[in-house]
Every structure is written in C-alpha cells, then in structure tokens.
C-alpha cells in the first residue's frame, strides 16, 4: 500500500525520511493532490539506469528498422565516404 502523506508532515522531516527505504517511497500531497515523492537513492539510481537502457534499446530498434528499410554499406564504402 502506498505511503501517502500531506506536505505538512515535512515539518517533522526526520520522521518522514525514516519511512523511506528501497521499494518504499513516500508520496507527498498538497491539497489532496500528489506533488512529489521521496525515494531511496539506490532505487533512484536503478530507475535512472533502467531509463537509459530503455532509451538505448529504442535507438537500437530504430537503427535496425533503418538498416532493414534503407540497407547498409560495406566497411570499404564507409571508409571512402569518410575519406579515411
């Protein structure tokens, strides 16, 4: 069950932060609407890595689609094109 607290609970910041752990975020609300979350740093790092991996996979899929539709060139042709 999500740990949801009003923003006013941050007056006792230490007590709120103690409730945060890996996989246990604290969601803060203002006037009954979610505004932000407090998350464990290790979990945040893993989420960032996962986001980067997803972006890389998306680019690889785009490249694969491009190679299938536009074709590829040989290494010799690439060297000529680059003037190497």
PDB file of N, CA and C in Angstrom:
ATOM      1  N   UNK A   1       0.846  -1.173   0.000  1.00  0.00           N
ATOM      2  CA  UNK A   1       0.000   0.000   0.000  1.00  0.00           C
ATOM      3  C   UNK A   1       0.893   1.239   0.000  1.00  0.00           C
ATOM      4  N   UNK A   2       0.593   2.204  -0.861  1.00  0.00           N
ATOM      5  CA  UNK A   2       1.437   3.401  -0.935  1.00  0.00           C
ATOM      6  C   UNK A   2       1.433   4.199   0.361  1.00  0.00           C
ATOM      7  N   UNK A   3       2.579   4.782   0.642  1.00  0.00           N
ATOM      8  CA  UNK A   3       2.744   5.611   1.832  1.00  0.00           C
ATOM      9  C   UNK A   3       2.500   7.063   1.403  1.00  0.00           C
ATOM     10  N   UNK A   4       1.305   7.566   1.652  1.00  0.00           N
ATOM     11  CA  UNK A   4       0.905   8.907   1.211  1.00  0.00           C
ATOM     12  C   UNK A   4       0.762   9.809   2.424  1.00  0.00           C
ATOM     13  N   UNK A   5       1.413  10.959   2.339  1.00  0.00           N
ATOM     14  CA  UNK A   5       1.384  11.898   3.461  1.00  0.00           C
ATOM     15  C   UNK A   5       1.144  13.310   2.937  1.00  0.00           C
ATOM     16  N   UNK A   6       0.509  14.139   3.743  1.00  0.00           N
ATOM     17  CA  UNK A   6       0.380  15.547   3.346  1.00  0.00           C
ATOM     18  C   UNK A   6       1.724  16.261   3.472  1.00  0.00           C
ATOM     19  N   UNK A   7       1.917  17.260   2.638  1.00  0.00           N
ATOM     20  CA  UNK A   7       3.160  18.029   2.639  1.00  0.00           C
ATOM     21  C   UNK A   7       3.462  18.592   4.036  1.00  0.00           C
ATOM     22  N   UNK A   8       2.432  18.892   4.786  1.00  0.00           N
ATOM     23  CA  UNK A   8       2.626  19.475   6.123  1.00  0.00           C
ATOM     24  C   UNK A   8       3.383  18.539   7.061  1.00  0.00           C
ATOM     25  N   UNK A   9       3.383  17.216   6.771  1.00  0.00           N
ATOM     26  CA  UNK A   9       4.136  16.273   7.599  1.00  0.00           C
ATOM     27  C   UNK A   9       5.640  16.502   7.511  1.00  0.00           C
ATOM     28  N   UNK A  10       6.081  17.275   6.527  1.00  0.00           N
ATOM     29  CA  UNK A  10       7.514  17.550   6.406  1.00  0.00           C
ATOM     30  C   UNK A  10       8.026  18.465   7.513  1.00  0.00           C
ATOM     31  N   UNK A  11       7.112  19.013   8.302  1.00  0.00           N
ATOM     32  CA  UNK A  11       7.573  19.777   9.469  1.00  0.00           C
ATOM     33  C   UNK A  11       8.431  18.891  10.352  1.00  0.00           C
ATOM     34  N   UNK A  12       8.080  17.611  10.369  1.00  0.00           N
ATOM     35  CA  UNK A  12       8.875  16.621  11.094  1.00  0.00           C
ATOM     36  C   UNK A  12       9.602  15.776  10.047  1.00  0.00           C
ATOM     37  N   UNK A  13      10.512  16.409   9.345  1.00  0.00           N
ATOM     38  CA  UNK A  13      11.222  15.819   8.212  1.00  0.00           C
ATOM     39  C   UNK A  13      11.880  14.494   8.571  1.00  0.00           C
ATOM     40  N   UNK A  14      12.527  14.432   9.712  1.00  0.00           N
ATOM     41  CA  UNK A  14      13.253  13.227  10.117  1.00  0.00           C
ATOM     42  C   UNK A  14      12.332  12.018  10.194  1.00  0.00           C
ATOM     43  N   UNK A  15      11.153  12.188  10.748  1.00  0.00           N
ATOM     44  CA  UNK A  15      10.214  11.069  10.875  1.00  0.00           C
ATOM     45  C   UNK A  15       9.757  10.581   9.501  1.00  0.00           C
ATOM     46  N   UNK A  16       9.557  11.513   8.571  1.00  0.00           N
ATOM     47  CA  UNK A  16       9.122  11.131   7.221  1.00  0.00           C
ATOM     48  C   UNK A  16      10.241  10.391   6.497  1.00  0.00           C
ATOM     49  N   UNK A  17      11.465  10.905   6.584  1.00  0.00           N
ATOM     50  CA  UNK A  17      12.598  10.286   5.900  1.00  0.00           C
ATOM     51  C   UNK A  17      12.875   8.893   6.445  1.00  0.00           C
ATOM     52  N   UNK A  18      12.647   8.662   7.704  1.00  0.00           N
ATOM     53  CA  UNK A  18      12.858   7.334   8.291  1.00  0.00           C
ATOM     54  C   UNK A  18      11.937   6.286   7.679  1.00  0.00           C
ATOM     55  N   UNK A  19      10.826   6.731   7.110  1.00  0.00           N
ATOM     56  CA  UNK A  19       9.882   5.798   6.490  1.00  0.00           C
ATOM     57  C   UNK A  19      10.287   5.408   5.069  1.00  0.00           C
ATOM     58  N   UNK A  20      11.265   6.112   4.511  1.00  0.00           N
ATOM     59  CA  UNK A  20      11.720   5.839   3.153  1.00  0.00           C
ATOM     60  C   UNK A  20      12.759   4.733   3.182  1.00  0.00           C
ATOM     61  N   UNK A  21      12.588   3.748   2.304  1.00  0.00           N
ATOM     62  CA  UNK A  21      13.575   2.689   2.132  1.00  0.00           C
ATOM     63  C   UNK A  21      13.443   2.180   0.708  1.00  0.00           C
ATOM     64  N   UNK A  22      14.340   1.278   0.337  1.00  0.00           N
ATOM     65  CA  UNK A  22      14.295   0.731  -1.015  1.00  0.00           C
ATOM     66  C   UNK A  22      12.935   0.075  -1.251  1.00  0.00           C
ATOM     67  N   UNK A  23      12.236   0.514  -2.270  1.00  0.00           N
ATOM     68  CA  UNK A  23      10.921  -0.038  -2.591  1.00  0.00           C
ATOM     69  C   UNK A  23       9.786   0.556  -1.778  1.00  0.00           C
ATOM     70  N   UNK A  24      10.089   1.443  -0.855  1.00  0.00           N
ATOM     71  CA  UNK A  24       9.061   2.062  -0.021  1.00  0.00           C
ATOM     72  C   UNK A  24       9.193   3.585  -0.127  1.00  0.00           C
ATOM     73  N   UNK A  25       8.524   4.131  -1.115  1.00  0.00           N
ATOM     74  CA  UNK A  25       8.556   5.573  -1.339  1.00  0.00           C
ATOM     75  C   UNK A  25       7.512   6.251  -0.461  1.00  0.00           C
ATOM     76  N   UNK A  26       7.742   7.525  -0.214  1.00  0.00           N
ATOM     77  CA  UNK A  26       6.746   8.339   0.481  1.00  0.00           C
ATOM     78  C   UNK A  26       6.243   9.368  -0.530  1.00  0.00           C
ATOM     79  N   UNK A  27       4.946   9.350  -0.786  1.00  0.00           N
ATOM     80  CA  UNK A  27       4.324  10.284  -1.710  1.00  0.00           C
ATOM     81  C   UNK A  27       3.747  11.443  -0.909  1.00  0.00           C
ATOM     82  N   UNK A  28       4.043  12.655  -1.350  1.00  0.00           N
ATOM     83  CA  UNK A  28       3.566  13.847  -0.648  1.00  0.00           C
ATOM     84  C   UNK A  28       2.458  14.515  -1.446  1.00  0.00           C
ATOM     85  N   UNK A  29       1.463  15.005  -0.712  1.00  0.00           N
ATOM     86  CA  UNK A  29       0.330  15.663  -1.348  1.00  0.00           C
ATOM     87  C   UNK A  29       0.193  17.098  -0.849  1.00  0.00           C
ATOM     88  N   UNK A  30      -0.400  17.904  -1.685  1.00  0.00           N
ATOM     89  CA  UNK A  30      -0.748  19.267  -1.302  1.00  0.00           C
ATOM     90  C   UNK A  30      -2.200  19.463  -1.733  1.00  0.00           C
ATOM     91  N   UNK A  31      -3.033  19.836  -0.789  1.00  0.00           N
ATOM     92  CA  UNK A  31      -4.464  19.994  -1.042  1.00  0.00           C
ATOM     93  C   UNK A  31      -5.081  18.734  -1.648  1.00  0.00           C
ATOM     94  N   UNK A  32      -4.596  17.586  -1.204  1.00  0.00           N
ATOM     95  CA  UNK A  32      -5.166  16.315  -1.635  1.00  0.00           C
ATOM     96  C   UNK A  32      -4.656  15.798  -2.966  1.00  0.00           C
ATOM     97  N   UNK A  33      -3.750  16.530  -3.613  1.00  0.00           N
ATOM     98  CA  UNK A  33      -3.213  16.108  -4.909  1.00  0.00           C
ATOM     99  C   UNK A  33      -1.731  15.792  -4.774  1.00  0.00           C
ATOM    100  N   UNK A  34      -1.300  14.723  -5.411  1.00  0.00           N
ATOM    101  CA  UNK A  34       0.103  14.336  -5.360  1.00  0.00           C
ATOM    102  C   UNK A  34       0.999  15.415  -5.942  1.00  0.00           C
ATOM    103  N   UNK A  35       2.088  15.716  -5.257  1.00  0.00           N
ATOM    104  CA  UNK A  35       3.016  16.731  -5.746  1.00  0.00           C
ATOM    105  C   UNK A  35       4.418  16.183  -5.957  1.00  0.00           C
ATOM    106  N   UNK A  36       4.882  15.292  -5.089  1.00  0.00           N
ATOM    107  CA  UNK A  36       6.226  14.747  -5.242  1.00  0.00           C
ATOM    108  C   UNK A  36       6.361  13.473  -4.416  1.00  0.00           C
ATOM    109  N   UNK A  37       7.525  12.851  -4.564  1.00  0.00           N
ATOM    110  CA  UNK A  37       7.790  11.620  -3.831  1.00  0.00           C
ATOM    111  C   UNK A  37       9.206  11.666  -3.270  1.00  0.00           C
ATOM    112  N   UNK A  38       9.408  10.999  -2.170  1.00  0.00           N
ATOM    113  CA  UNK A  38      10.738  10.819  -1.609  1.00  0.00           C
ATOM    114  C   UNK A  38      11.090   9.353  -1.844  1.00  0.00           C
ATOM    115  N   UNK A  39      12.259   9.150  -2.466  1.00  0.00           N
ATOM    116  CA  UNK A  39      12.639   7.804  -2.893  1.00  0.00           C
ATOM    117  C   UNK A  39      14.072   7.507  -2.451  1.00  0.00           C
ATOM    118  N   UNK A  40      14.350   6.259  -2.174  1.00  0.00           N
ATOM    119  CA  UNK A  40      15.686   5.809  -1.787  1.00  0.00           C
ATOM    120  C   UNK A  40      16.666   6.063  -2.937  1.00  0.00           C
ATOM    121  N   UNK A  41      17.877   6.528  -2.629  1.00  0.00           N
ATOM    122  CA  UNK A  41      18.855   6.874  -3.658  1.00  0.00           C
ATOM    123  C   UNK A  41      19.255   5.670  -4.511  1.00  0.00           C
ATOM    124  N   UNK A  42      19.406   4.511  -3.915  1.00  0.00           N
ATOM    125  CA  UNK A  42      19.772   3.321  -4.680  1.00  0.00           C
ATOM    126  C   UNK A  42      18.666   2.993  -5.696  1.00  0.00           C
ATOM    127  N   UNK A  43      17.421   3.106  -5.258  1.00  0.00           N
ATOM    128  CA  UNK A  43      16.303   2.839  -6.156  1.00  0.00           C
ATOM    129  C   UNK A  43      16.264   3.868  -7.282  1.00  0.00           C
ATOM    130  N   UNK A  44      16.541   5.123  -6.969  1.00  0.00           N
ATOM    131  CA  UNK A  44      16.567   6.177  -7.985  1.00  0.00           C
ATOM    132  C   UNK A  44      17.664   5.903  -9.010  1.00  0.00           C
ATOM    133  N   UNK A  45      18.850   5.504  -8.548  1.00  0.00           N
ATOM    134  CA  UNK A  45      19.945   5.177  -9.463  1.00  0.00           C
ATOM    135  C   UNK A  45      19.554   4.031 -10.397  1.00  0.00           C
ATOM    136  N   UNK A  46      18.896   3.023  -9.848  1.00  0.00           N
ATOM    137  CA  UNK A  46      18.467   1.888 -10.672  1.00  0.00           C
ATOM    138  C   UNK A  46      17.404   2.312 -11.678  1.00  0.00           C
ATOM    139  N   UNK A  47      16.497   3.184 -11.277  1.00  0.00           N
ATOM    140  CA  UNK A  47      15.491   3.687 -12.201  1.00  0.00           C
ATOM    141  C   UNK A  47      16.130   4.504 -13.318  1.00  0.00           C
ATOM    142  N   UNK A  48      17.138   5.308 -12.982  1.00  0.00           N
ATOM    143  CA  UNK A  48      17.861   6.080 -13.999  1.00  0.00           C
ATOM    144  C   UNK A  48      18.561   5.156 -14.991  1.00  0.00           C
ATOM    145  N   UNK A  49      19.200   4.105 -14.485  1.00  0.00           N
ATOM    146  CA  UNK A  49      19.873   3.139 -15.360  1.00  0.00           C
ATOM    147  C   UNK A  49      18.864   2.444 -16.267  1.00  0.00           C
ATOM    148  N   UNK A  50      17.720   2.093 -15.712  1.00  0.00           N
ATOM    149  CA  UNK A  50      16.684   1.426 -16.498  1.00  0.00           C
ATOM    150  C   UNK A  50      16.164   2.358 -17.592  1.00  0.00           C
ATOM    151  N   UNK A  51      16.003   3.623 -17.264  1.00  0.00           N
ATOM    152  CA  UNK A  51      15.546   4.605 -18.251  1.00  0.00           C
ATOM    153  C   UNK A  51      16.560   4.727 -19.388  1.00  0.00           C
ATOM    154  N   UNK A  52      17.853   4.807 -19.044  1.00  0.00           N
ATOM    155  CA  UNK A  52      18.899   4.895 -20.058  1.00  0.00           C
ATOM    156  C   UNK A  52      18.927   3.643 -20.926  1.00  0.00           C
ATOM    157  N   UNK A  53      18.754   2.475 -20.309  1.00  0.00           N
ATOM    158  CA  UNK A  53      18.730   1.224 -21.060  1.00  0.00           C
ATOM    159  C   UNK A  53      17.550   1.205 -22.030  1.00  0.00           C
ATOM    160  N   UNK A  54      16.391   1.643 -21.574  1.00  0.00           N
ATOM    161  CA  UNK A  54      15.217   1.688 -22.449  1.00  0.00           C
ATOM    162  C   UNK A  54      15.439   2.629 -23.623  1.00  0.00           C
ATOM    163  N   UNK A  55      16.083   3.786 -23.377  1.00  0.00           N
ATOM    164  CA  UNK A  55      16.376   4.722 -24.461  1.00  0.00           C
ATOM    165  C   UNK A  55      17.355   4.104 -25.459  1.00  0.00           C
ATOM    166  N   UNK A  56      18.358   3.386 -24.955  1.00  0.00           N
ATOM    167  CA  UNK A  56      19.311   2.720 -25.833  1.00  0.00           C
ATOM    168  C   UNK A  56      18.619   1.656 -26.682  1.00  0.00           C
ATOM    169  N   UNK A  57      17.757   0.860 -26.066  1.00  0.00           N
ATOM    170  CA  UNK A  57      17.035  -0.175 -26.813  1.00  0.00           C
ATOM    171  C   UNK A  57      16.154   0.435 -27.884  1.00  0.00           C
ATOM    172  N   UNK A  58      15.529   1.568 -27.580  1.00  0.00           N
ATOM    173  CA  UNK A  58      14.704   2.257 -28.569  1.00  0.00           C
ATOM    174  C   UNK A  58      15.546   2.714 -29.754  1.00  0.00           C
ATOM    175  N   UNK A  59      16.716   3.275 -29.478  1.00  0.00           N
ATOM    176  CA  UNK A  59      17.616   3.713 -30.559  1.00  0.00           C
ATOM    177  C   UNK A  59      18.106   2.522 -31.379  1.00  0.00           C
ATOM    178  N   UNK A  60      18.386   1.393 -30.719  1.00  0.00           N
ATOM    179  CA  UNK A  60      18.818   0.200 -31.439  1.00  0.00           C
ATOM    180  C   UNK A  60      17.709  -0.319 -32.350  1.00  0.00           C
ATOM    181  N   UNK A  61      16.468  -0.272 -31.880  1.00  0.00           N
ATOM    182  CA  UNK A  61      15.337  -0.699 -32.711  1.00  0.00           C
ATOM    183  C   UNK A  61      15.181   0.222 -33.905  1.00  0.00           C
ATOM    184  N   UNK A  62      15.360   1.534 -33.685  1.00  0.00           N
ATOM    185  CA  UNK A  62      15.278   2.491 -34.793  1.00  0.00           C
ATOM    186  C   UNK A  62      16.381   2.206 -35.810  1.00  0.00           C
ATOM    187  N   UNK A  63      17.586   1.915 -35.320  1.00  0.00           N
ATOM    188  CA  UNK A  63      18.710   1.624 -36.210  1.00  0.00           C
ATOM    189  C   UNK A  63      18.461   0.335 -36.994  1.00  0.00           C
ATOM    190  N   UNK A  64      17.913  -0.664 -36.328  1.00  0.00           N
ATOM    191  CA  UNK A  64      17.608  -1.929 -37.004  1.00  0.00           C
ATOM    192  C   UNK A  64      16.567  -1.715 -38.097  1.00  0.00           C
ATOM    193  N   UNK A  65      15.544  -0.942 -37.789  1.00  0.00           N
ATOM    194  CA  UNK A  65      14.498  -0.648 -38.772  1.00  0.00           C
ATOM    195  C   UNK A  65      15.094   0.117 -39.958  1.00  0.00           C
ATOM    196  N   UNK A  66      15.965   1.073 -39.666  1.00  0.00           N
ATOM    197  CA  UNK A  66      16.618   1.849 -40.716  1.00  0.00           C
ATOM    198  C   UNK A  66      17.477   0.944 -41.593  1.00  0.00           C
ATOM    199  N   UNK A  67      18.217   0.033 -40.982  1.00  0.00           N
ATOM    200  CA  UNK A  67      19.064  -0.878 -41.745  1.00  0.00           C
ATOM    201  C   UNK A  67      18.231  -1.774 -42.655  1.00  0.00           C
ATOM    202  N   UNK A  68      17.066  -2.181 -42.166  1.00  0.00           N
ATOM    203  CA  UNK A  68      16.207  -3.049 -42.973  1.00  0.00           C
ATOM    204  C   UNK A  68      15.562  -2.287 -44.126  1.00  0.00           C
ATOM    205  N   UNK A  69      15.174  -1.046 -43.892  1.00  0.00           N
ATOM    206  CA  UNK A  69      14.474  -0.287 -44.938  1.00  0.00           C
ATOM    207  C   UNK A  69      15.433   0.422 -45.890  1.00  0.00           C
ATOM    208  N   UNK A  70      16.536   0.942 -45.372  1.00  0.00           N
ATOM    209  CA  UNK A  70      17.470   1.718 -46.194  1.00  0.00           C
ATOM    210  C   UNK A  70      18.683   0.914 -46.640  1.00  0.00           C
ATOM    211  N   UNK A  71      18.916  -0.220 -46.009  1.00  0.00           N
ATOM    212  CA  UNK A  71      20.073  -1.035 -46.350  1.00  0.00           C
ATOM    213  C   UNK A  71      21.311  -0.582 -45.599  1.00  0.00           C
ATOM    214  N   UNK A  72      22.407  -1.292 -45.887  1.00  0.00           N
ATOM    215  CA  UNK A  72      23.673  -0.996 -45.228  1.00  0.00           C
ATOM    216  C   UNK A  72      24.751  -0.808 -46.291  1.00  0.00           C
ATOM    217  N   UNK A  73      25.913  -0.346 -45.862  1.00  0.00           N
ATOM    218  CA  UNK A  73      27.050  -0.231 -46.767  1.00  0.00           C
ATOM    219  C   UNK A  73      28.215  -1.017 -46.173  1.00  0.00           C
ATOM    220  N   UNK A  74      29.169  -1.393 -47.035  1.00  0.00           N
ATOM    221  CA  UNK A  74      30.322  -2.168 -46.560  1.00  0.00           C
ATOM    222  C   UNK A  74      31.301  -1.246 -45.848  1.00  0.00           C
ATOM    223  N   UNK A  75      32.250  -1.854 -45.171  1.00  0.00           N
ATOM    224  CA  UNK A  75      33.275  -1.086 -44.456  1.00  0.00           C
ATOM    225  C   UNK A  75      34.116  -0.277 -45.437  1.00  0.00           C
ATOM    226  N   UNK A  76      34.409  -0.856 -46.600  1.00  0.00           N
ATOM    227  CA  UNK A  76      35.192  -0.132 -47.615  1.00  0.00           C
ATOM    228  C   UNK A  76      34.441   1.105 -48.103  1.00  0.00           C
ATOM    229  N   UNK A  77      33.147   0.944 -48.353  1.00  0.00           N
ATOM    230  CA  UNK A  77      32.343   2.082 -48.797  1.00  0.00           C
ATOM    231  C   UNK A  77      32.296   3.174 -47.734  1.00  0.00           C
ATOM    232  N   UNK A  78      32.201   2.769 -46.472  1.00  0.00           N
ATOM    233  CA  UNK A  78      32.179   3.734 -45.374  1.00  0.00           C
ATOM    234  C   UNK A  78      33.503   4.495 -45.300  1.00  0.00           C
ATOM    235  N   UNK A  79      34.599   3.789 -45.436  1.00  0.00           N
ATOM    236  CA  UNK A  79      35.909   4.445 -45.413  1.00  0.00           C
ATOM    237  C   UNK A  79      36.036   5.446 -46.554  1.00  0.00           C
ATOM    238  N   UNK A  80      35.562   5.076 -47.744  1.00  0.00           N
ATOM    239  CA  UNK A  80      35.589   6.015 -48.875  1.00  0.00           C
ATOM    240  C   UNK A  80      34.755   7.248 -48.573  1.00  0.00           C
ATOM    241  N   UNK A  81      33.558   7.003 -48.035  1.00  0.00           N
ATOM    242  CA  UNK A  81      32.639   8.114 -47.723  1.00  0.00           C
ATOM    243  C   UNK A  81      33.240   9.052 -46.686  1.00  0.00           C
ATOM    244  N   UNK A  82      33.944   8.497 -45.719  1.00  0.00           N
ATOM    245  CA  UNK A  82      34.543   9.304 -44.665  1.00  0.00           C
ATOM    246  C   UNK A  82      35.910   9.855 -45.065  1.00  0.00           C
ATOM    247  N   UNK A  83      36.450   9.373 -46.169  1.00  0.00           N
ATOM    248  CA  UNK A  83      37.739   9.850 -46.633  1.00  0.00           C
ATOM    249  C   UNK A  83      38.896   9.326 -45.819  1.00  0.00           C
ATOM    250  N   UNK A  84      38.759   8.128 -45.315  1.00  0.00           N
ATOM    251  CA  UNK A  84      39.821   7.535 -44.492  1.00  0.00           C
ATOM    252  C   UNK A  84      40.718   6.696 -45.352  1.00  0.00           C
TER     253      UNK A  84
END
